[in-house]
Structure formats: structure tokens, C-alpha cells
N, C-alpha and C. Protein backbone atom coordinates (compact mmCIF):
# COMPACT_ATOMS: atom_id res chain seq x y z
N MET A 1 0.95 -1.48 0.03
CA MET A 1 0.23 -0.32 0.40
C MET A 1 0.75 0.96 -0.40
N ILE A 2 0.29 2.68 -0.61
CA ILE A 2 0.92 3.75 -1.25
C ILE A 2 1.42 4.13 1.01
N GLN A 3 2.40 4.94 1.40
CA GLN A 3 1.92 5.58 2.38
C GLN A 3 1.70 7.11 2.15
N ARG A 4 0.31 7.31 3.24
CA ARG A 4 -0.27 8.50 2.70
C ARG A 4 0.48 9.38 3.87
N GLU A 5 0.74 10.50 3.44
CA GLU A 5 0.98 11.81 4.25
C GLU A 5 -0.36 12.11 4.93
N LEU A 6 -1.49 11.56 5.00
CA LEU A 6 -2.85 11.78 6.27
C LEU A 6 -2.57 10.89 7.46
N SER A 7 -1.80 9.36 6.60
CA SER A 7 -2.17 8.86 7.73
C SER A 7 -1.53 9.65 9.41
N ALA A 8 -0.71 9.80 9.45
CA ALA A 8 0.09 10.81 10.95
C ALA A 8 -0.79 11.91 10.68
N ALA A 9 -1.47 12.85 9.99
CA ALA A 9 -2.37 13.52 10.76
C ALA A 9 -3.53 13.18 11.33
N ILE A 10 -4.14 11.82 10.52
CA ILE A 10 -5.38 11.41 11.18
C ILE A 10 -4.76 10.41 12.66
N GLU A 11 -3.37 9.94 12.36
CA GLU A 11 -3.57 9.35 13.63
C GLU A 11 -3.39 10.56 15.21
N SER A 12 -2.76 11.85 14.92
CA SER A 12 -2.73 12.53 15.86
C SER A 12 -3.84 12.85 16.43
N LYS A 13 -4.69 12.84 15.34
CA LYS A 13 -6.11 13.39 16.01
C LYS A 13 -7.03 11.73 16.90
N PHE A 14 -6.33 10.37 17.00
CA PHE A 14 -6.85 9.93 17.80
C PHE A 14 -7.34 9.92 19.56
N GLY A 15 -7.85 10.06 20.13
CA GLY A 15 -7.26 10.30 21.38
C GLY A 15 -7.88 11.14 21.94
N LYS A 16 -8.42 12.46 21.54
CA LYS A 16 -9.13 13.32 21.42
C LYS A 16 -10.26 14.21 21.64
N GLY A 17 -11.17 12.85 21.48
CA GLY A 17 -12.20 12.39 21.92
C GLY A 17 -13.58 13.45 20.48
N LYS A 18 -12.98 13.07 20.04
CA LYS A 18 -13.80 13.78 18.71
C LYS A 18 -14.37 12.80 17.48
N ALA A 19 -15.19 12.72 16.56
CA ALA A 19 -15.02 11.73 15.40
C ALA A 19 -14.46 12.15 14.41
N ILE A 20 -13.73 11.57 13.65
CA ILE A 20 -13.02 11.35 12.93
C ILE A 20 -13.65 11.42 11.37
N ILE A 21 -14.12 11.63 10.65
CA ILE A 21 -14.58 11.72 9.30
C ILE A 21 -13.35 12.06 8.04
N ILE A 22 -13.51 10.88 6.60
CA ILE A 22 -12.74 10.85 6.03
C ILE A 22 -13.75 10.76 4.48
N ILE A 23 -14.13 11.97 3.85
CA ILE A 23 -14.46 12.05 3.08
C ILE A 23 -14.04 12.25 1.52
N GLY A 24 -14.30 11.99 0.20
CA GLY A 24 -14.10 11.61 -0.78
C GLY A 24 -14.48 10.86 -1.71
N PRO A 25 -13.82 11.63 -3.07
CA PRO A 25 -14.71 10.10 -3.89
C PRO A 25 -14.79 8.47 -4.06
N ARG A 26 -15.15 8.08 -4.41
CA ARG A 26 -15.05 7.13 -4.48
C ARG A 26 -13.80 6.13 -5.36
N GLN A 27 -13.58 5.05 -4.70
CA GLN A 27 -12.31 4.44 -4.77
C GLN A 27 -10.67 4.85 -4.97
N VAL A 28 -10.68 5.76 -3.98
CA VAL A 28 -9.35 6.80 -4.19
C VAL A 28 -8.75 6.01 -2.76
N GLY A 29 -9.02 5.15 -2.33
CA GLY A 29 -8.80 4.86 -1.03
C GLY A 29 -8.71 4.63 0.66
N LYS A 30 -10.14 5.60 0.92
CA LYS A 30 -10.60 5.77 2.12
C LYS A 30 -10.35 4.84 3.33
N THR A 31 -11.15 3.99 2.75
CA THR A 31 -11.31 2.24 3.45
C THR A 31 -10.01 2.45 3.59
N THR A 32 -9.61 2.06 3.12
CA THR A 32 -8.15 0.98 3.10
C THR A 32 -7.42 1.91 3.85
N LEU A 33 -6.98 3.15 3.99
CA LEU A 33 -6.87 4.11 4.95
C LEU A 33 -6.70 4.10 6.29
N CYS A 34 -8.42 4.21 6.75
CA CYS A 34 -8.87 3.92 8.11
C CYS A 34 -8.68 2.54 8.31
N LYS A 35 -8.45 1.44 7.11
CA LYS A 35 -8.20 -0.22 8.15
C LYS A 35 -6.86 0.11 8.45
N SER A 36 -5.84 0.62 7.48
CA SER A 36 -4.95 0.15 7.61
C SER A 36 -4.53 1.32 9.19
N ILE A 37 -5.39 2.26 9.26
CA ILE A 37 -4.35 3.01 10.98
C ILE A 37 -5.55 2.26 11.60
N LEU A 38 -6.41 1.61 11.95
CA LEU A 38 -7.10 1.27 12.60
C LEU A 38 -7.03 -0.30 13.05
N GLU A 39 -5.99 -0.44 12.59
CA GLU A 39 -5.73 -1.83 12.36
C GLU A 39 -5.12 -2.55 14.05
N ASN A 40 -4.42 -1.73 14.97
CA ASN A 40 -4.50 -2.59 16.33
C ASN A 40 -4.92 -1.42 17.37
N LYS A 41 -5.97 -0.68 17.03
CA LYS A 41 -6.57 0.07 17.45
C LYS A 41 -8.16 0.28 18.34
N GLU A 42 -8.74 0.15 19.33
CA GLU A 42 -9.43 0.21 19.39
C GLU A 42 -10.82 1.45 19.11
N HIS A 43 -11.89 1.30 18.43
CA HIS A 43 -12.11 1.75 17.60
C HIS A 43 -13.34 1.30 16.20
N LEU A 44 -14.91 2.44 16.75
CA LEU A 44 -15.82 1.99 15.65
C LEU A 44 -16.11 2.37 14.57
N PHE A 45 -16.48 1.53 13.65
CA PHE A 45 -16.90 1.93 12.25
C PHE A 45 -18.03 1.30 11.55
N LEU A 46 -18.53 2.89 11.14
CA LEU A 46 -19.75 3.18 10.12
C LEU A 46 -19.41 3.24 9.34
N ASP A 47 -19.54 2.54 8.15
CA ASP A 47 -19.62 2.08 6.38
C ASP A 47 -20.81 3.07 6.34
N GLY A 48 -20.96 4.17 5.64
CA GLY A 48 -22.32 4.73 5.10
C GLY A 48 -22.21 4.64 3.85
N ASP A 49 -21.83 3.31 3.30
CA ASP A 49 -22.17 2.54 1.82
C ASP A 49 -23.50 1.37 2.15
N ASP A 50 -23.08 1.47 3.74
CA ASP A 50 -23.93 0.13 4.44
C ASP A 50 -25.27 0.48 4.36
N PRO A 51 -26.83 -0.08 3.58
CA PRO A 51 -27.69 0.37 3.99
C PRO A 51 -28.64 -0.56 5.30
N THR A 52 -27.57 -1.18 5.93
CA THR A 52 -28.27 -1.10 7.56
C THR A 52 -27.30 0.18 8.23
N VAL A 53 -26.57 0.44 8.13
CA VAL A 53 -25.75 1.46 8.94
C VAL A 53 -26.42 2.43 8.60
N ARG A 54 -26.74 3.06 7.41
CA ARG A 54 -27.33 4.39 6.86
C ARG A 54 -28.65 4.47 7.09
N ASN A 55 -29.62 3.18 7.28
CA ASN A 55 -30.96 3.12 7.64
C ASN A 55 -30.96 3.33 9.07
N ILE A 56 -29.56 3.17 10.30
CA ILE A 56 -29.66 3.10 11.75
C ILE A 56 -29.87 4.87 11.89
N LEU A 57 -28.43 4.80 10.73
CA LEU A 57 -28.47 6.54 11.15
C LEU A 57 -29.10 7.45 10.79
N THR A 58 -30.77 6.84 9.71
CA THR A 58 -31.25 7.75 9.40
C THR A 58 -32.63 7.79 10.47
N ASN A 59 -32.72 7.00 11.16
CA ASN A 59 -33.63 6.04 11.93
C ASN A 59 -33.54 6.19 13.14
N PRO A 60 -32.44 6.87 14.10
CA PRO A 60 -32.40 6.48 15.27
C PRO A 60 -33.67 6.84 15.60
N LYS A 61 -33.65 5.51 17.15
CA LYS A 61 -34.48 5.15 18.22
C LYS A 61 -33.77 5.45 19.49
């Protein structure tokens, strides 16, 4: 995998009590980047392309 310059910036934000949202065009490596950074960290990963996740976020109970 190509080492991304954003990796260090994203990793420096962990533990700050904030959500990290990565947006961009399709097929540029957002999910791959996230999964490589989160590999050994405790995290909650929500995939907005997953219809179940999208439904839960649209209609919270």
C-alpha cells in the first residue's frame, strides 16, 4: 500500500474525544487508509455505504 501523508495527521487526532470523518470520491482508498490506521486500535467503524448502517443513522431510536 502507498504510504499516505494523511496517516500521521489522522493518527494524531485519536484520543481527542472527537469523531474523525474521511470524505472523498469513490475508489480513492478511504476505507483502505482507515483500516490500515485502525488495525491495532479500539474503534467504531461505520460504513455509510452499508444500507443497515445508513438506515440506523437515518432513523435513530
